[in-house]
N, C-alpha and C. Protein backbone atom coordinates (compact mmCIF):
# COMPACT_ATOMS: atom_id res chain seq x y z
N MET A 1 -151.18 -28.19 -24.13
CA MET A 1 -150.22 -27.68 -24.78
C MET A 1 -149.05 -28.48 -25.01
N LYS A 2 -149.07 -29.55 -24.52
CA LYS A 2 -148.71 -31.39 -25.48
C LYS A 2 -149.06 -31.34 -26.62
N SER A 3 -150.45 -31.62 -26.93
CA SER A 3 -150.73 -31.22 -28.45
C SER A 3 -150.41 -30.68 -29.71
N ILE A 4 -149.78 -29.49 -29.15
CA ILE A 4 -149.74 -28.39 -30.22
C ILE A 4 -148.20 -28.49 -30.53
N THR A 5 -147.35 -28.69 -29.35
CA THR A 5 -145.81 -29.81 -29.51
C THR A 5 -145.72 -30.98 -30.39
N THR A 6 -146.34 -31.76 -30.39
CA THR A 6 -146.81 -33.16 -31.10
C THR A 6 -147.15 -32.86 -32.44
N LEU A 7 -148.55 -31.14 -32.28
CA LEU A 7 -148.16 -31.30 -34.19
C LEU A 7 -147.72 -30.98 -34.57
N CYS A 8 -146.69 -29.59 -34.06
CA CYS A 8 -145.52 -29.70 -34.73
C CYS A 8 -144.45 -30.46 -34.85
N LEU A 9 -144.68 -30.46 -34.10
CA LEU A 9 -143.16 -32.04 -34.31
C LEU A 9 -143.34 -33.09 -35.35
N SER A 10 -144.73 -33.15 -35.42
CA SER A 10 -145.23 -34.20 -36.61
C SER A 10 -145.13 -33.07 -38.03
N LEU A 11 -145.40 -31.88 -37.33
CA LEU A 11 -145.27 -30.43 -39.10
C LEU A 11 -143.60 -31.05 -39.31
N LEU A 12 -142.86 -30.55 -38.76
CA LEU A 12 -141.66 -30.25 -38.94
C LEU A 12 -141.16 -31.54 -39.75
N ILE A 13 -141.75 -32.63 -38.79
CA ILE A 13 -141.18 -34.30 -39.84
C ILE A 13 -141.74 -34.63 -40.85
N THR A 14 -143.16 -34.35 -41.51
CA THR A 14 -143.19 -34.24 -42.39
C THR A 14 -142.79 -33.15 -43.90
N LEU A 15 -142.52 -31.78 -43.00
CA LEU A 15 -141.93 -31.20 -44.63
C LEU A 15 -140.21 -31.70 -43.97
N ALA A 16 -139.63 -31.55 -43.54
CA ALA A 16 -138.18 -32.10 -43.53
C ALA A 16 -137.70 -33.44 -44.16
N GLY A 17 -138.16 -34.52 -43.83
CA GLY A 17 -138.44 -35.76 -45.21
C GLY A 17 -138.17 -35.90 -45.89
N PRO A 18 -138.55 -35.38 -47.20
CA PRO A 18 -138.85 -35.58 -48.15
C PRO A 18 -137.20 -34.68 -48.88
N ILE A 19 -136.71 -33.41 -47.87
CA ILE A 19 -136.22 -32.91 -48.02
C ILE A 19 -134.32 -33.46 -48.23
N GLU A 20 -134.41 -33.90 -46.88
CA GLU A 20 -133.37 -35.12 -46.49
C GLU A 20 -133.27 -36.25 -47.56
N LEU A 21 -134.52 -36.75 -47.90
CA LEU A 21 -133.78 -38.33 -48.76
C LEU A 21 -133.82 -37.36 -50.63
N SER A 22 -134.13 -35.90 -50.59
CA SER A 22 -133.68 -35.45 -52.04
C SER A 22 -132.37 -35.63 -52.44
N ALA A 23 -131.70 -34.76 -50.75
CA ALA A 23 -130.17 -34.66 -50.55
C ALA A 23 -129.20 -36.17 -50.91
N PHE A 24 -129.82 -36.66 -50.96
CA PHE A 24 -129.17 -38.15 -50.30
C PHE A 24 -129.39 -38.78 -51.99
N ALA A 25 -130.06 -38.77 -52.79
CA ALA A 25 -130.70 -38.80 -54.29
C ALA A 25 -129.48 -38.25 -54.93
N GLN A 26 -128.96 -37.86 -54.65
CA GLN A 26 -127.96 -36.36 -55.72
C GLN A 26 -126.72 -36.96 -55.43
N THR A 27 -125.32 -37.04 -56.17
CA THR A 27 -123.74 -36.80 -55.47
C THR A 27 -123.00 -35.90 -56.75
N ARG A 28 -122.41 -35.44 -56.32
CA ARG A 28 -121.31 -34.64 -57.03
C ARG A 28 -120.36 -35.54 -58.24
N VAL A 29 -119.96 -34.77 -59.43
CA VAL A 29 -118.99 -35.24 -60.16
C VAL A 29 -118.06 -34.32 -60.44
N ARG A 30 -116.86 -34.48 -60.09
CA ARG A 30 -115.89 -33.73 -60.24
C ARG A 30 -115.20 -33.45 -61.35
N GLY A 31 -115.51 -32.40 -62.13
CA GLY A 31 -114.63 -31.85 -63.18
C GLY A 31 -113.44 -32.71 -63.51
N TYR A 32 -113.21 -33.39 -65.00
CA TYR A 32 -112.67 -33.91 -65.55
C TYR A 32 -112.30 -33.53 -67.06
N THR A 33 -110.35 -33.69 -67.78
CA THR A 33 -110.28 -34.29 -69.18
C THR A 33 -110.63 -35.43 -69.58
N LYS A 34 -111.06 -35.28 -70.70
CA LYS A 34 -111.42 -36.38 -72.28
C LYS A 34 -110.05 -36.97 -72.21
N ARG A 35 -109.80 -37.65 -72.71
CA ARG A 35 -109.13 -38.50 -73.40
C ARG A 35 -108.63 -37.50 -74.70
N ASP A 36 -109.70 -36.19 -75.77
CA ASP A 36 -110.01 -36.24 -76.45
C ASP A 36 -109.66 -35.31 -76.31
N GLY A 37 -109.04 -35.00 -75.10
CA GLY A 37 -108.81 -33.45 -74.63
C GLY A 37 -110.22 -31.99 -74.33
N THR A 38 -111.25 -32.73 -73.71
CA THR A 38 -112.32 -31.83 -73.92
C THR A 38 -112.56 -31.74 -72.05
N HIS A 39 -112.49 -30.92 -71.42
CA HIS A 39 -112.76 -30.62 -70.51
C HIS A 39 -114.08 -30.68 -69.54
N VAL A 40 -114.77 -31.83 -68.99
CA VAL A 40 -116.04 -31.55 -68.40
C VAL A 40 -116.20 -31.29 -67.42
N GLU A 41 -117.28 -29.95 -66.78
CA GLU A 41 -117.62 -29.30 -65.43
C GLU A 41 -117.68 -30.25 -64.62
N SER A 42 -117.33 -29.47 -63.05
CA SER A 42 -118.06 -30.99 -62.17
C SER A 42 -119.88 -29.91 -62.20
N HIS A 43 -120.36 -31.24 -61.67
CA HIS A 43 -121.70 -31.43 -61.84
C HIS A 43 -122.57 -31.94 -61.16
N ARG A 44 -123.84 -31.81 -60.66
CA ARG A 44 -124.39 -32.98 -59.42
C ARG A 44 -125.29 -33.76 -60.66
N ARG A 45 -125.55 -34.57 -60.36
CA ARG A 45 -126.35 -36.27 -60.92
C ARG A 45 -126.64 -37.01 -60.10
N THR A 46 -128.23 -37.59 -60.88
CA THR A 46 -129.04 -38.17 -59.42
C THR A 46 -127.60 -39.85 -58.90
N ALA A 47 -127.92 -39.93 -58.21
CA ALA A 47 -127.19 -40.89 -57.87
C ALA A 47 -128.19 -42.39 -58.50
N PRO A 48 -126.35 -43.39 -58.80
CA PRO A 48 -126.88 -44.88 -59.60
C PRO A 48 -127.74 -45.34 -59.03
N ASN A 49 -128.98 -45.82 -59.15
CA ASN A 49 -130.06 -47.16 -59.11
C ASN A 49 -130.38 -47.44 -60.08
N LYS A 50 -130.84 -48.52 -59.59
CA LYS A 50 -131.63 -49.61 -60.68
C LYS A 50 -133.29 -48.95 -61.45
N THR A 51 -132.89 -47.84 -61.92
CA THR A 51 -134.33 -47.23 -62.84
C THR A 51 -133.78 -46.02 -62.82
N GLU A 52 -134.67 -45.73 -63.63
CA GLU A 52 -134.16 -44.69 -64.78
C GLU A 52 -135.30 -43.26 -64.10
N LYS A 53 -136.97 -43.73 -63.53
CA LYS A 53 -137.82 -42.86 -63.24
C LYS A 53 -137.82 -41.22 -62.56
N ASP A 54 -136.05 -41.84 -61.90
CA ASP A 54 -135.85 -40.71 -60.62
C ASP A 54 -134.69 -39.80 -61.00
N ASN A 55 -133.97 -40.31 -62.57
CA ASN A 55 -133.51 -39.14 -63.31
C ASN A 55 -134.29 -37.68 -63.72
N TRP A 56 -133.22 -36.63 -63.93
CA TRP A 56 -133.52 -36.33 -63.87
C TRP A 56 -133.70 -35.73 -65.33
N SER A 57 -133.62 -36.40 -66.08
CA SER A 57 -133.72 -36.27 -67.52
C SER A 57 -134.95 -37.07 -68.02
N THR A 58 -135.98 -37.85 -66.76
CA THR A 58 -136.94 -38.80 -67.16
C THR A 58 -137.91 -37.39 -67.36
N LYS A 59 -139.26 -38.08 -68.23
CA LYS A 59 -140.39 -36.83 -68.18
C LYS A 59 -140.78 -37.56 -66.90
N GLY A 60 -141.93 -36.09 -66.13
CA GLY A 60 -142.59 -35.64 -65.61
C GLY A 60 -141.47 -35.21 -63.48
N ASN A 61 -140.10 -35.73 -64.51
CA ASN A 61 -139.04 -34.66 -63.19
C ASN A 61 -137.96 -33.47 -64.04
N THR A 62 -137.80 -32.32 -62.92
CA THR A 62 -137.17 -31.38 -63.27
C THR A 62 -135.57 -31.01 -62.41
N HIS A 63 -134.98 -30.83 -63.26
CA HIS A 63 -133.49 -30.54 -63.02
C HIS A 63 -133.00 -29.72 -62.12
N PRO A 64 -132.89 -30.18 -60.24
CA PRO A 64 -133.43 -28.71 -59.20
C PRO A 64 -132.10 -27.48 -60.11
N ASP A 65 -130.99 -27.59 -60.54
CA ASP A 65 -130.13 -26.54 -60.97
C ASP A 65 -130.49 -25.62 -62.34
N THR A 66 -131.14 -26.36 -63.25
CA THR A 66 -131.08 -25.58 -64.91
C THR A 66 -132.76 -25.42 -64.51
N GLY A 67 -134.07 -26.02 -63.83
CA GLY A 67 -135.04 -26.67 -64.43
C GLY A 67 -135.43 -26.96 -65.65
N LYS A 68 -134.68 -27.47 -66.02
CA LYS A 68 -135.46 -28.46 -67.45
C LYS A 68 -135.92 -29.01 -67.11
N LYS A 69 -136.86 -29.65 -67.65
CA LYS A 69 -137.93 -30.75 -67.55
C LYS A 69 -137.25 -31.63 -68.73
N GLY A 70 -137.70 -32.94 -67.84
CA GLY A 70 -137.12 -34.33 -68.64
C GLY A 70 -137.94 -34.58 -69.45
N THR A 71 -137.09 -35.37 -70.69
CA THR A 71 -137.83 -35.98 -71.90
C THR A 71 -137.88 -37.10 -72.21
N LYS A 72 -137.29 -37.36 -71.42
CA LYS A 72 -136.98 -39.71 -71.82
C LYS A 72 -138.33 -39.78 -71.20
N THR A 73 -137.78 -40.79 -71.74
CA THR A 73 -139.32 -41.92 -71.20
C THR A 73 -138.34 -43.32 -70.84
N PRO A 74 -139.13 -43.25 -69.25
CA PRO A 74 -137.99 -44.74 -69.02
C PRO A 74 -137.64 -45.84 -69.54
N GLN A 75 -137.09 -46.38 -69.82
CA GLN A 75 -136.75 -47.69 -69.99
C GLN A 75 -136.68 -49.00 -69.15
N ARG A 76 -136.33 -48.58 -67.56
CA ARG A 76 -136.49 -49.78 -67.01
C ARG A 76 -137.31 -48.93 -65.65
């Protein structure tokens, strides 16, 4: 019984880990109006960091809201 409990707990941690990490990798941007009067709706984006490899617009990644695949080659 103890081994089944340990197995279930290990499986839960393994499956929940990536979900939790992906929640920290994004941030909400509030809507705003540009100087020229253009309104930008609120949206989510990847959190800023020193790499472009994890941005939704980079090749190999997919935007979670739109399902659009990334097309840009990472520069850094």
